[in-house]
Every structure is written in structure tokens, then in C-alpha cells.
N, C-alpha and C. Protein backbone atom coordinates (compact mmCIF):
# COMPACT_ATOMS: atom_id res chain seq x y z
N MET A 1 119.62 35.27 110.37
CA MET A 1 119.61 36.70 110.65
C MET A 1 119.13 37.49 109.45
N SER A 2 119.44 37.04 108.20
CA SER A 2 119.09 37.80 107.03
C SER A 2 117.59 37.97 106.89
N ALA A 3 116.81 37.10 107.53
CA ALA A 3 115.35 37.20 107.45
C ALA A 3 114.84 38.49 108.05
N PHE A 4 115.62 39.10 108.94
CA PHE A 4 115.21 40.35 109.58
C PHE A 4 115.60 41.57 108.74
N LEU A 5 116.42 41.37 107.75
CA LEU A 5 116.97 42.47 106.99
C LEU A 5 116.24 42.66 105.66
N GLY A 6 116.08 43.90 105.28
CA GLY A 6 115.47 44.22 103.99
C GLY A 6 116.45 44.93 103.10
N PRO A 7 116.10 45.14 101.84
CA PRO A 7 117.00 45.82 100.89
C PRO A 7 117.48 47.18 101.37
N ILE A 8 116.64 47.92 102.09
CA ILE A 8 117.03 49.26 102.53
C ILE A 8 118.18 49.20 103.53
N HIS A 9 118.26 48.12 104.30
CA HIS A 9 119.34 48.00 105.27
C HIS A 9 120.67 47.72 104.57
N TYR A 10 120.64 46.86 103.55
CA TYR A 10 121.85 46.60 102.77
C TYR A 10 122.26 47.86 101.99
N TRP A 11 121.27 48.59 101.50
CA TRP A 11 121.51 49.83 100.76
C TRP A 11 122.25 50.83 101.64
N LEU A 12 121.80 51.02 102.87
CA LEU A 12 122.44 51.97 103.78
C LEU A 12 123.83 51.47 104.18
N TYR A 13 123.96 50.18 104.43
CA TYR A 13 125.26 49.62 104.83
C TYR A 13 126.29 49.81 103.72
N HIS A 14 125.86 49.66 102.47
CA HIS A 14 126.77 49.88 101.34
C HIS A 14 127.27 51.33 101.32
N LYS A 15 126.40 52.27 101.61
CA LYS A 15 126.79 53.69 101.66
C LYS A 15 127.78 53.93 102.79
N ILE A 16 127.55 53.31 103.94
CA ILE A 16 128.48 53.43 105.06
C ILE A 16 129.86 52.90 104.67
N MET A 17 129.88 51.74 104.02
CA MET A 17 131.15 51.13 103.65
C MET A 17 131.88 51.93 102.58
N LEU A 18 131.15 52.58 101.70
CA LEU A 18 131.81 53.41 100.70
C LEU A 18 132.46 54.63 101.35
N GLN A 19 131.79 55.24 102.33
CA GLN A 19 132.43 56.36 103.02
C GLN A 19 133.64 55.87 103.81
N GLU A 20 133.57 54.69 104.36
CA GLU A 20 134.73 54.14 105.05
C GLU A 20 135.89 53.93 104.08
N LYS A 21 135.58 53.60 102.84
CA LYS A 21 136.63 53.45 101.84
C LYS A 21 137.35 54.79 101.61
N ILE A 22 136.59 55.88 101.64
CA ILE A 22 137.19 57.21 101.54
C ILE A 22 138.11 57.46 102.73
N VAL A 23 137.64 57.11 103.93
CA VAL A 23 138.46 57.27 105.14
C VAL A 23 139.75 56.47 105.01
N GLU A 24 139.65 55.23 104.58
CA GLU A 24 140.83 54.38 104.45
C GLU A 24 141.82 54.93 103.42
N GLU A 25 141.28 55.51 102.37
CA GLU A 25 142.16 56.10 101.35
C GLU A 25 142.93 57.29 101.91
N ILE A 26 142.26 58.10 102.70
CA ILE A 26 142.93 59.25 103.31
C ILE A 26 143.95 58.79 104.35
N LEU A 27 143.62 57.75 105.09
CA LEU A 27 144.58 57.18 106.04
C LEU A 27 145.80 56.61 105.32
N SER A 28 145.60 56.01 104.16
CA SER A 28 146.73 55.51 103.38
C SER A 28 147.62 56.65 102.92
N LEU A 29 147.00 57.74 102.49
CA LEU A 29 147.77 58.92 102.11
C LEU A 29 148.57 59.44 103.30
N ASN A 30 147.95 59.49 104.47
CA ASN A 30 148.64 59.96 105.66
C ASN A 30 149.86 59.10 105.97
N GLU A 31 149.71 57.79 105.85
CA GLU A 31 150.83 56.90 106.14
C GLU A 31 151.95 57.08 105.13
N GLU A 32 151.60 57.22 103.87
CA GLU A 32 152.61 57.39 102.82
C GLU A 32 153.39 58.70 103.00
N GLU A 33 152.67 59.75 103.38
CA GLU A 33 153.31 61.07 103.50
C GLU A 33 153.87 61.34 104.89
N GLY A 34 153.48 60.52 105.87
CA GLY A 34 153.96 60.72 107.23
C GLY A 34 153.45 61.99 107.87
N PHE A 35 152.22 62.36 107.59
CA PHE A 35 151.66 63.60 108.12
C PHE A 35 151.48 63.54 109.63
N VAL A 36 150.69 62.57 110.11
CA VAL A 36 150.36 62.48 111.54
C VAL A 36 150.70 61.07 112.01
N GLN A 37 151.63 60.96 112.92
CA GLN A 37 152.04 59.66 113.43
C GLN A 37 150.93 59.04 114.28
N GLY A 38 150.71 57.74 114.09
CA GLY A 38 149.75 57.02 114.92
C GLY A 38 148.30 57.37 114.65
N LEU A 39 148.00 57.93 113.48
CA LEU A 39 146.65 58.38 113.21
C LEU A 39 145.66 57.23 113.10
N ASP A 40 146.08 56.11 112.54
CA ASP A 40 145.19 54.95 112.45
C ASP A 40 144.69 54.54 113.83
N ASP A 41 145.63 54.43 114.77
CA ASP A 41 145.27 53.99 116.12
C ASP A 41 144.43 55.03 116.85
N SER A 42 144.79 56.30 116.73
CA SER A 42 144.04 57.33 117.45
C SER A 42 142.63 57.48 116.89
N THR A 43 142.46 57.21 115.60
CA THR A 43 141.13 57.27 115.00
C THR A 43 140.23 56.20 115.58
N VAL A 44 140.78 55.01 115.75
CA VAL A 44 140.01 53.93 116.36
C VAL A 44 139.65 54.27 117.80
N ILE A 45 140.60 54.81 118.54
CA ILE A 45 140.37 55.15 119.95
C ILE A 45 139.29 56.21 120.09
N HIS A 46 139.34 57.24 119.26
CA HIS A 46 138.42 58.37 119.40
C HIS A 46 137.08 58.15 118.71
N CYS A 47 137.08 57.33 117.64
CA CYS A 47 135.87 57.24 116.82
C CYS A 47 135.30 55.84 116.68
N GLY A 48 136.08 54.83 116.98
CA GLY A 48 135.62 53.47 116.76
C GLY A 48 136.10 52.94 115.41
N ILE A 49 135.60 51.78 115.04
CA ILE A 49 136.06 51.10 113.83
C ILE A 49 134.87 50.58 113.05
N ILE A 50 135.02 50.52 111.74
CA ILE A 50 134.01 49.92 110.86
C ILE A 50 134.59 48.62 110.33
N GLU A 51 134.02 47.51 110.71
CA GLU A 51 134.52 46.21 110.27
C GLU A 51 133.97 45.89 108.89
N ASN A 52 134.83 45.37 108.03
CA ASN A 52 134.42 45.03 106.67
C ASN A 52 133.98 43.56 106.63
N GLN A 53 132.75 43.35 107.03
CA GLN A 53 132.17 42.01 107.06
C GLN A 53 130.76 42.07 106.49
N PRO A 54 130.21 40.94 106.07
CA PRO A 54 128.82 40.93 105.60
C PRO A 54 127.89 41.45 106.70
N LEU A 55 126.93 42.24 106.30
CA LEU A 55 126.02 42.88 107.25
C LEU A 55 125.34 41.87 108.15
N GLU A 56 124.88 40.77 107.58
CA GLU A 56 124.11 39.80 108.35
C GLU A 56 124.94 39.11 109.43
N ASN A 57 126.27 39.20 109.33
CA ASN A 57 127.14 38.59 110.33
C ASN A 57 127.36 39.48 111.54
N MET A 58 126.98 40.75 111.43
CA MET A 58 127.31 41.69 112.49
C MET A 58 126.11 42.36 113.13
N ILE A 59 125.08 42.65 112.36
CA ILE A 59 124.02 43.53 112.81
C ILE A 59 123.25 42.95 113.99
N ASP A 60 122.81 43.81 114.87
CA ASP A 60 121.97 43.43 116.01
C ASP A 60 120.53 43.32 115.51
N SER A 61 120.04 42.11 115.36
CA SER A 61 118.71 41.91 114.77
C SER A 61 117.60 42.47 115.66
N GLY A 62 117.90 42.68 116.93
CA GLY A 62 116.90 43.25 117.83
C GLY A 62 116.87 44.77 117.82
N ASN A 63 117.86 45.37 117.15
CA ASN A 63 117.95 46.83 117.11
C ASN A 63 118.61 47.26 115.80
N ILE A 64 118.00 46.88 114.70
CA ILE A 64 118.59 47.13 113.38
C ILE A 64 118.81 48.62 113.14
N HIS A 65 117.78 49.42 113.40
CA HIS A 65 117.89 50.86 113.16
C HIS A 65 118.98 51.47 114.03
N GLY A 66 119.00 51.12 115.30
CA GLY A 66 120.00 51.67 116.21
C GLY A 66 121.41 51.27 115.83
N TRP A 67 121.58 50.03 115.39
CA TRP A 67 122.91 49.54 114.99
C TRP A 67 123.41 50.31 113.78
N LEU A 68 122.54 50.50 112.80
CA LEU A 68 122.94 51.22 111.59
C LEU A 68 123.23 52.69 111.89
N GLN A 69 122.42 53.30 112.76
CA GLN A 69 122.67 54.70 113.14
C GLN A 69 124.04 54.83 113.82
N GLU A 70 124.38 53.86 114.66
CA GLU A 70 125.68 53.88 115.31
C GLU A 70 126.81 53.83 114.29
N LYS A 71 126.68 53.01 113.26
CA LYS A 71 127.71 52.91 112.23
C LYS A 71 127.80 54.20 111.41
N VAL A 72 126.65 54.83 111.15
CA VAL A 72 126.67 56.13 110.47
C VAL A 72 127.47 57.12 111.31
N ASP A 73 127.21 57.17 112.60
CA ASP A 73 127.92 58.09 113.49
C ASP A 73 129.42 57.81 113.49
N ILE A 74 129.77 56.53 113.53
CA ILE A 74 131.19 56.16 113.58
C ILE A 74 131.91 56.60 112.31
N VAL A 75 131.34 56.30 111.16
CA VAL A 75 132.05 56.59 109.91
C VAL A 75 132.07 58.09 109.63
N GLU A 76 131.04 58.82 110.06
CA GLU A 76 131.06 60.27 109.92
C GLU A 76 132.15 60.87 110.81
N ASN A 77 132.25 60.39 112.03
CA ASN A 77 133.28 60.88 112.95
C ASN A 77 134.68 60.50 112.48
N ARG A 78 134.82 59.31 111.91
CA ARG A 78 136.13 58.88 111.42
C ARG A 78 136.61 59.82 110.31
N LEU A 79 135.73 60.16 109.38
CA LEU A 79 136.13 61.04 108.29
C LEU A 79 136.50 62.42 108.82
N SER A 80 135.65 62.99 109.68
CA SER A 80 135.94 64.33 110.19
C SER A 80 137.21 64.34 111.05
N TYR A 81 137.42 63.30 111.84
CA TYR A 81 138.59 63.23 112.71
C TYR A 81 139.87 63.15 111.89
N VAL A 82 139.88 62.27 110.91
CA VAL A 82 141.09 62.05 110.11
C VAL A 82 141.47 63.30 109.33
N VAL A 83 140.50 63.88 108.65
CA VAL A 83 140.79 65.07 107.84
C VAL A 83 141.21 66.24 108.71
N THR A 84 140.54 66.43 109.83
CA THR A 84 140.87 67.54 110.73
C THR A 84 142.27 67.36 111.31
N ALA A 85 142.62 66.13 111.68
CA ALA A 85 143.95 65.88 112.25
C ALA A 85 145.05 66.18 111.24
N ILE A 86 144.82 65.82 109.98
CA ILE A 86 145.83 66.01 108.95
C ILE A 86 145.99 67.47 108.57
N THR A 87 144.88 68.21 108.54
CA THR A 87 144.91 69.58 108.01
C THR A 87 144.91 70.66 109.08
N LYS A 88 144.83 70.29 110.32
CA LYS A 88 144.64 71.28 111.41
C LYS A 88 145.68 72.39 111.37
N GLU A 89 146.93 72.04 111.16
CA GLU A 89 147.99 73.05 111.16
C GLU A 89 148.60 73.25 109.77
N TYR A 90 148.09 72.48 108.80
CA TYR A 90 148.66 72.54 107.46
C TYR A 90 147.51 72.48 106.44
N ASP A 91 146.97 73.64 106.12
CA ASP A 91 145.83 73.69 105.20
C ASP A 91 146.15 73.15 103.82
N ASP A 92 147.41 73.29 103.40
CA ASP A 92 147.77 72.87 102.05
C ASP A 92 147.67 71.36 101.85
N ARG A 93 147.62 70.60 102.93
CA ARG A 93 147.48 69.15 102.80
C ARG A 93 146.12 68.77 102.23
N MET A 94 145.16 69.68 102.34
CA MET A 94 143.83 69.40 101.81
C MET A 94 143.88 69.15 100.32
N GLU A 95 144.76 69.81 99.63
CA GLU A 95 144.88 69.63 98.18
C GLU A 95 145.25 68.18 97.84
N GLN A 96 146.16 67.61 98.62
CA GLN A 96 146.54 66.21 98.39
C GLN A 96 145.40 65.26 98.70
N ILE A 97 144.65 65.57 99.75
CA ILE A 97 143.48 64.76 100.09
C ILE A 97 142.48 64.78 98.95
N LEU A 98 142.22 65.96 98.41
CA LEU A 98 141.24 66.08 97.33
C LEU A 98 141.69 65.35 96.08
N GLU A 99 142.97 65.42 95.78
CA GLU A 99 143.49 64.69 94.62
C GLU A 99 143.31 63.19 94.79
N ARG A 100 143.56 62.73 96.00
CA ARG A 100 143.44 61.29 96.28
C ARG A 100 141.99 60.83 96.20
N VAL A 101 141.09 61.64 96.74
CA VAL A 101 139.67 61.29 96.74
C VAL A 101 139.11 61.31 95.32
N TYR A 102 139.56 62.27 94.52
CA TYR A 102 139.13 62.32 93.11
C TYR A 102 139.51 61.02 92.41
N GLN A 103 140.74 60.59 92.59
CA GLN A 103 141.19 59.36 91.94
C GLN A 103 140.42 58.15 92.46
N LEU A 104 140.06 58.17 93.73
CA LEU A 104 139.25 57.08 94.27
C LEU A 104 137.91 57.03 93.55
N GLY A 105 137.32 58.19 93.30
CA GLY A 105 136.07 58.23 92.55
C GLY A 105 136.22 57.62 91.17
N VAL A 106 137.32 57.94 90.48
CA VAL A 106 137.60 57.35 89.17
C VAL A 106 137.69 55.84 89.27
N ASP A 107 138.35 55.35 90.31
CA ASP A 107 138.53 53.91 90.49
C ASP A 107 137.22 53.22 90.87
N VAL A 108 136.44 53.86 91.73
CA VAL A 108 135.19 53.25 92.20
C VAL A 108 134.21 53.04 91.06
N ILE A 109 134.09 54.01 90.16
CA ILE A 109 133.11 53.89 89.08
C ILE A 109 133.42 52.69 88.20
N GLU A 110 134.69 52.34 88.07
CA GLU A 110 135.06 51.20 87.24
C GLU A 110 134.58 49.88 87.83
N SER A 111 134.32 49.86 89.12
CA SER A 111 133.89 48.63 89.79
C SER A 111 132.37 48.52 89.89
N LEU A 112 131.65 49.54 89.45
CA LEU A 112 130.20 49.54 89.59
C LEU A 112 129.53 48.87 88.40
N ASP A 113 128.60 47.98 88.68
CA ASP A 113 127.88 47.28 87.62
C ASP A 113 127.02 48.24 86.80
N GLN A 114 126.50 49.29 87.45
CA GLN A 114 125.56 50.17 86.77
C GLN A 114 126.22 51.29 85.99
N LYS A 115 127.55 51.31 85.88
CA LYS A 115 128.21 52.44 85.24
C LYS A 115 127.76 52.62 83.79
N GLU A 116 127.45 51.52 83.10
CA GLU A 116 127.03 51.62 81.71
C GLU A 116 125.63 52.21 81.59
N GLN A 117 124.90 52.29 82.71
CA GLN A 117 123.56 52.86 82.70
C GLN A 117 123.59 54.38 82.93
N TRP A 118 124.77 54.95 83.15
CA TRP A 118 124.87 56.37 83.43
C TRP A 118 124.79 57.17 82.13
N THR A 119 123.64 57.10 81.49
CA THR A 119 123.44 57.78 80.21
C THR A 119 122.50 58.97 80.34
N SER A 120 121.97 59.20 81.52
CA SER A 120 121.10 60.35 81.74
C SER A 120 121.41 60.94 83.11
N ALA A 121 121.11 62.23 83.24
CA ALA A 121 121.32 62.90 84.53
C ALA A 121 120.44 62.28 85.60
N GLU A 122 119.26 61.85 85.23
CA GLU A 122 118.34 61.25 86.20
C GLU A 122 118.90 59.95 86.75
N GLN A 123 119.50 59.13 85.88
CA GLN A 123 120.09 57.88 86.34
C GLN A 123 121.29 58.14 87.25
N ILE A 124 122.08 59.13 86.91
CA ILE A 124 123.24 59.46 87.74
C ILE A 124 122.80 59.96 89.11
N TYR A 125 121.78 60.81 89.15
CA TYR A 125 121.28 61.29 90.44
C TYR A 125 120.83 60.13 91.32
N LYS A 126 120.12 59.20 90.74
CA LYS A 126 119.67 58.02 91.49
C LYS A 126 120.87 57.22 91.99
N SER A 127 121.87 57.04 91.13
CA SER A 127 123.04 56.26 91.51
C SER A 127 123.83 56.95 92.62
N LEU A 128 123.96 58.27 92.54
CA LEU A 128 124.67 59.00 93.60
C LEU A 128 123.94 58.87 94.93
N ASN A 129 122.62 58.86 94.88
CA ASN A 129 121.84 58.67 96.09
C ASN A 129 122.05 57.29 96.68
N ASP A 130 122.41 56.34 95.82
CA ASP A 130 122.69 54.97 96.28
C ASP A 130 124.11 54.83 96.82
N LEU A 131 124.96 55.82 96.55
CA LEU A 131 126.37 55.72 96.92
C LEU A 131 126.76 56.62 98.09
N LEU A 132 126.25 57.84 98.11
CA LEU A 132 126.70 58.84 99.06
C LEU A 132 125.88 58.80 100.34
N LEU A 133 126.57 58.88 101.46
CA LEU A 133 125.92 58.78 102.76
C LEU A 133 125.37 60.13 103.19
N ASP A 134 124.06 60.19 103.39
CA ASP A 134 123.40 61.39 103.89
C ASP A 134 122.50 61.01 105.04
N GLY A 135 123.09 60.48 106.09
CA GLY A 135 122.32 60.09 107.26
C GLY A 135 121.47 58.85 107.02
N MET A 136 120.39 58.74 107.77
CA MET A 136 119.47 57.63 107.64
C MET A 136 118.45 57.94 106.55
N PRO A 137 117.80 56.90 106.01
CA PRO A 137 116.82 57.14 104.93
C PRO A 137 115.74 58.14 105.31
N CYS A 138 115.35 58.18 106.57
CA CYS A 138 114.28 59.08 107.00
C CYS A 138 114.72 60.55 107.04
N ASP A 139 116.02 60.81 106.91
CA ASP A 139 116.49 62.19 107.00
C ASP A 139 116.13 63.03 105.77
N ARG A 140 116.10 62.41 104.59
CA ARG A 140 115.64 63.08 103.36
C ARG A 140 116.22 64.48 103.22
N VAL A 141 117.52 64.56 103.03
CA VAL A 141 118.17 65.87 103.02
C VAL A 141 118.23 66.52 101.63
N ASN A 142 117.96 65.76 100.58
CA ASN A 142 118.04 66.32 99.23
C ASN A 142 116.64 66.50 98.64
N MET A 143 116.44 67.61 97.93
CA MET A 143 115.17 67.89 97.29
C MET A 143 115.42 68.27 95.83
N VAL A 144 114.79 67.55 94.92
CA VAL A 144 114.97 67.82 93.49
C VAL A 144 114.21 69.09 93.12
N VAL A 145 114.92 69.99 92.42
CA VAL A 145 114.32 71.24 91.94
C VAL A 145 113.76 71.06 90.54
N SER A 146 114.53 70.42 89.67
CA SER A 146 114.07 70.10 88.32
C SER A 146 114.83 68.89 87.82
N THR A 147 114.23 68.19 86.89
CA THR A 147 114.85 66.95 86.41
C THR A 147 114.55 66.71 84.95
N SER A 148 115.57 66.26 84.23
CA SER A 148 115.44 65.84 82.84
C SER A 148 116.60 64.91 82.55
N SER A 149 116.63 64.35 81.36
CA SER A 149 117.72 63.44 81.02
C SER A 149 119.05 64.17 80.89
N ASP A 150 119.00 65.48 80.62
CA ASP A 150 120.22 66.26 80.44
C ASP A 150 120.71 66.94 81.71
N GLU A 151 119.78 67.20 82.64
CA GLU A 151 120.20 67.89 83.86
C GLU A 151 119.24 67.65 85.01
N VAL A 152 119.82 67.37 86.16
CA VAL A 152 119.06 67.33 87.42
C VAL A 152 119.62 68.41 88.31
N ILE A 153 118.73 69.23 88.84
CA ILE A 153 119.11 70.27 89.80
C ILE A 153 118.46 69.91 91.13
N TYR A 154 119.26 69.88 92.18
CA TYR A 154 118.70 69.59 93.49
C TYR A 154 119.37 70.46 94.54
N LYS A 155 118.71 70.57 95.69
CA LYS A 155 119.26 71.36 96.78
C LYS A 155 119.24 70.54 98.06
N ARG A 156 120.09 70.94 98.97
CA ARG A 156 120.18 70.29 100.28
C ARG A 156 119.28 71.05 101.24
N THR A 157 118.34 70.35 101.84
CA THR A 157 117.38 71.01 102.73
C THR A 157 117.99 71.33 104.08
N ARG A 158 119.00 70.59 104.48
CA ARG A 158 119.70 70.85 105.74
C ARG A 158 121.00 70.08 105.74
N CYS A 159 121.92 70.48 106.60
CA CYS A 159 123.21 69.80 106.70
C CYS A 159 123.21 68.90 107.93
N ILE A 160 123.38 67.61 107.70
CA ILE A 160 123.44 66.67 108.82
C ILE A 160 124.87 66.27 109.15
N HIS A 161 125.84 66.84 108.43
CA HIS A 161 127.25 66.46 108.62
C HIS A 161 128.00 67.39 109.55
N GLU A 162 127.54 68.64 109.66
CA GLU A 162 128.33 69.65 110.38
C GLU A 162 128.59 69.27 111.83
N THR A 163 127.62 68.65 112.48
CA THR A 163 127.78 68.27 113.88
C THR A 163 129.04 67.43 114.09
N TYR A 164 129.28 66.49 113.20
CA TYR A 164 130.44 65.61 113.33
C TYR A 164 131.75 66.39 113.19
N TRP A 165 131.76 67.38 112.32
CA TRP A 165 132.97 68.16 112.11
C TRP A 165 133.21 69.12 113.28
N LEU A 166 132.15 69.68 113.81
CA LEU A 166 132.30 70.56 114.97
C LEU A 166 132.82 69.78 116.17
N GLU A 167 132.37 68.54 116.32
CA GLU A 167 132.83 67.71 117.44
C GLU A 167 134.34 67.47 117.38
N GLN A 168 134.89 67.46 116.17
CA GLN A 168 136.32 67.20 116.01
C GLN A 168 137.12 68.51 115.87
N GLY A 169 136.44 69.65 115.98
CA GLY A 169 137.13 70.92 115.84
C GLY A 169 137.48 71.25 114.42
N GLY A 170 136.74 70.66 113.48
CA GLY A 170 137.03 70.86 112.06
C GLY A 170 136.00 71.72 111.37
N PHE A 171 136.08 71.74 110.04
CA PHE A 171 135.22 72.58 109.22
C PHE A 171 134.45 71.72 108.23
N VAL A 172 133.14 71.84 108.25
CA VAL A 172 132.31 71.02 107.39
C VAL A 172 132.55 71.34 105.92
N LEU A 173 133.09 72.52 105.63
CA LEU A 173 133.43 72.85 104.25
C LEU A 173 134.39 71.81 103.66
N ASN A 174 135.28 71.29 104.50
CA ASN A 174 136.20 70.25 104.02
C ASN A 174 135.44 69.01 103.58
N TYR A 175 134.36 68.69 104.31
CA TYR A 175 133.55 67.54 103.92
C TYR A 175 132.98 67.74 102.52
N TYR A 176 132.41 68.92 102.27
CA TYR A 176 131.77 69.15 100.98
C TYR A 176 132.78 69.22 99.85
N GLU A 177 133.99 69.68 100.13
CA GLU A 177 135.04 69.66 99.11
C GLU A 177 135.43 68.23 98.78
N ILE A 178 135.53 67.38 99.80
CA ILE A 178 135.84 65.97 99.58
C ILE A 178 134.74 65.30 98.78
N ARG A 179 133.51 65.55 99.16
CA ARG A 179 132.38 64.96 98.46
C ARG A 179 132.35 65.39 96.99
N THR A 180 132.59 66.68 96.75
CA THR A 180 132.57 67.19 95.38
C THR A 180 133.65 66.53 94.53
N GLU A 181 134.86 66.42 95.06
CA GLU A 181 135.94 65.82 94.28
C GLU A 181 135.68 64.34 94.03
N PHE A 182 135.10 63.66 95.00
CA PHE A 182 134.78 62.24 94.80
C PHE A 182 133.76 62.09 93.67
N VAL A 183 132.72 62.92 93.68
CA VAL A 183 131.71 62.84 92.63
C VAL A 183 132.31 63.22 91.28
N LYS A 184 133.15 64.22 91.26
CA LYS A 184 133.80 64.59 90.00
C LYS A 184 134.63 63.42 89.46
N GLY A 185 135.27 62.70 90.36
CA GLY A 185 136.01 61.51 89.93
C GLY A 185 135.09 60.45 89.36
N LEU A 186 133.95 60.25 90.01
CA LEU A 186 132.97 59.29 89.51
C LEU A 186 132.53 59.63 88.09
N LEU A 187 132.38 60.93 87.82
CA LEU A 187 131.84 61.38 86.54
C LEU A 187 132.91 61.69 85.51
N ALA A 188 134.18 61.53 85.87
CA ALA A 188 135.28 61.96 85.01
C ALA A 188 135.20 61.37 83.61
N ASN A 189 134.81 60.13 83.51
CA ASN A 189 134.79 59.46 82.22
C ASN A 189 133.37 59.27 81.68
N THR A 190 132.49 60.17 82.09
CA THR A 190 131.10 60.15 81.60
C THR A 190 130.85 61.43 80.80
N ALA A 191 129.66 61.55 80.28
CA ALA A 191 129.28 62.75 79.51
C ALA A 191 128.68 63.83 80.40
N PHE A 192 128.84 63.67 81.74
CA PHE A 192 128.19 64.58 82.68
C PHE A 192 129.20 65.22 83.62
N GLU A 193 128.77 66.34 84.23
CA GLU A 193 129.59 67.03 85.20
C GLU A 193 128.74 67.39 86.41
N TYR A 194 129.43 67.72 87.50
CA TYR A 194 128.78 68.02 88.78
C TYR A 194 129.26 69.38 89.23
N VAL A 195 128.33 70.32 89.38
CA VAL A 195 128.71 71.68 89.78
C VAL A 195 127.70 72.22 90.78
N ALA A 196 128.13 73.20 91.55
CA ALA A 196 127.25 73.91 92.48
C ALA A 196 127.15 75.35 92.03
N ASP A 197 125.95 75.94 92.16
CA ASP A 197 125.80 77.34 91.78
C ASP A 197 125.80 78.24 93.01
N GLU A 198 125.71 79.55 92.77
CA GLU A 198 125.81 80.52 93.87
C GLU A 198 124.58 80.50 94.78
N GLU A 199 123.51 79.89 94.32
CA GLU A 199 122.28 79.83 95.12
C GLU A 199 122.20 78.56 95.98
N GLY A 200 123.26 77.78 95.94
CA GLY A 200 123.29 76.58 96.76
C GLY A 200 122.65 75.36 96.13
N ASN A 201 122.40 75.43 94.82
CA ASN A 201 121.87 74.27 94.11
C ASN A 201 122.99 73.43 93.53
N TYR A 202 122.75 72.14 93.41
CA TYR A 202 123.71 71.23 92.80
C TYR A 202 123.18 70.78 91.45
N HIS A 203 124.07 70.72 90.47
CA HIS A 203 123.68 70.37 89.11
C HIS A 203 124.44 69.12 88.66
N ILE A 204 123.71 68.16 88.17
CA ILE A 204 124.30 67.05 87.41
C ILE A 204 123.86 67.29 85.98
N ARG A 205 124.77 67.68 85.12
CA ARG A 205 124.35 68.10 83.78
C ARG A 205 125.28 67.57 82.71
N ARG A 206 124.71 67.44 81.54
CA ARG A 206 125.48 66.97 80.40
C ARG A 206 126.51 68.02 80.02
N LYS A 207 127.72 67.59 79.72
CA LYS A 207 128.81 68.51 79.39
C LYS A 207 128.55 69.17 78.04
């Protein structure tokens, strides 16, 4: 089966699995705090499941693109469903979610082989693109405005996440807050920071 797969398919699958790790972390928080009873089961019923197995053992070799798109849809819906269920009547729970996701970012960077290469803003931008799920490769949602070793500025050309949050009755702003805290956790022990400006640009810049 692996003969049908290329590096880009493994690259996308890794991004899917990392977002699923965020979902699992939030589900663990929910279980510890007892926020929503039966949330693990209801998430599977409403959104499906992401199995943690080697890609070549699962993928439909006759429909690689379709299979991967389905997994993107599942993991996006899982994240929006879980966060919306937890925070729907209790906005203050979002703070605990963000704290947990930040710490996950701190933990994830320690497991990455390329962490020692994060010596320039350009390298970090590339690495974040390898980690964060932004639809399929053809969606191309990020556009670099300027780039140097000290700072990369980029903007989002469109939002491909909002649909999933609207389907669950949630707010896509929660997604971007989660994403921001996760990236801040990734960069916590580096010489760089991640900020957004009032014009909607994102900055990876040296502190």
C-alpha cells in the first residue's frame, strides 16, 4: 500500500493526528473536571473517530485524497464539537482549555526532532506549516507578507475552519484562541514569539 503514498500524504496525516492530540487533551481535561458527562462517546457518535494507526494500514489506496479529506473533516468537527459542548453554557471553562493547550504545545516541542533548528523566524514558519492543520494542501490559506530570519509576517487569505464551528453551534474565535495558545506553548522556550496585529497579520518574531 505504501507504494501509492507520497511524502505529502504522510505530511497531511501527521497534521491531522496532531490536531487529534489537541482534541484528546481537551477530552482529558473534561473527564478530570467532570464538565460534560459522556462527552467522549457523544463525540464519536456525532463526529466519528480518528484511529491512531500507521497511515498505510488504513488509507483507501483507490481514493487517497477523499480518505484524507474525510479525516480532516472528522478531526475539525471533533475539535469544534468538544470545545462547544464544554463552553456552551460556561464561557469561563475556555480559560482552562487554553491553559491545557498551551502546556500541550510546550510538551509537543520537546518531542520534535527539528526543535534545535528553530533558530530563525523562517524556520519556525516552515515548521508551523508542517504542524498546524489548514485544510488540504491545495487550500493554500496562508500568504507570506514579509520574511527574514528575525520576523515572518503572514496573513490568512480565508478561513476554512468556521464552517465546522457553525455546524456545531460554536464560535470559530475559540478555534483561533486555541491555535494561538498552542503556538505560544510551542515557542515558550525559544527566542521567538507569536502575535497578531490589528490588521489581521500574524507575526513570528524574535523577542
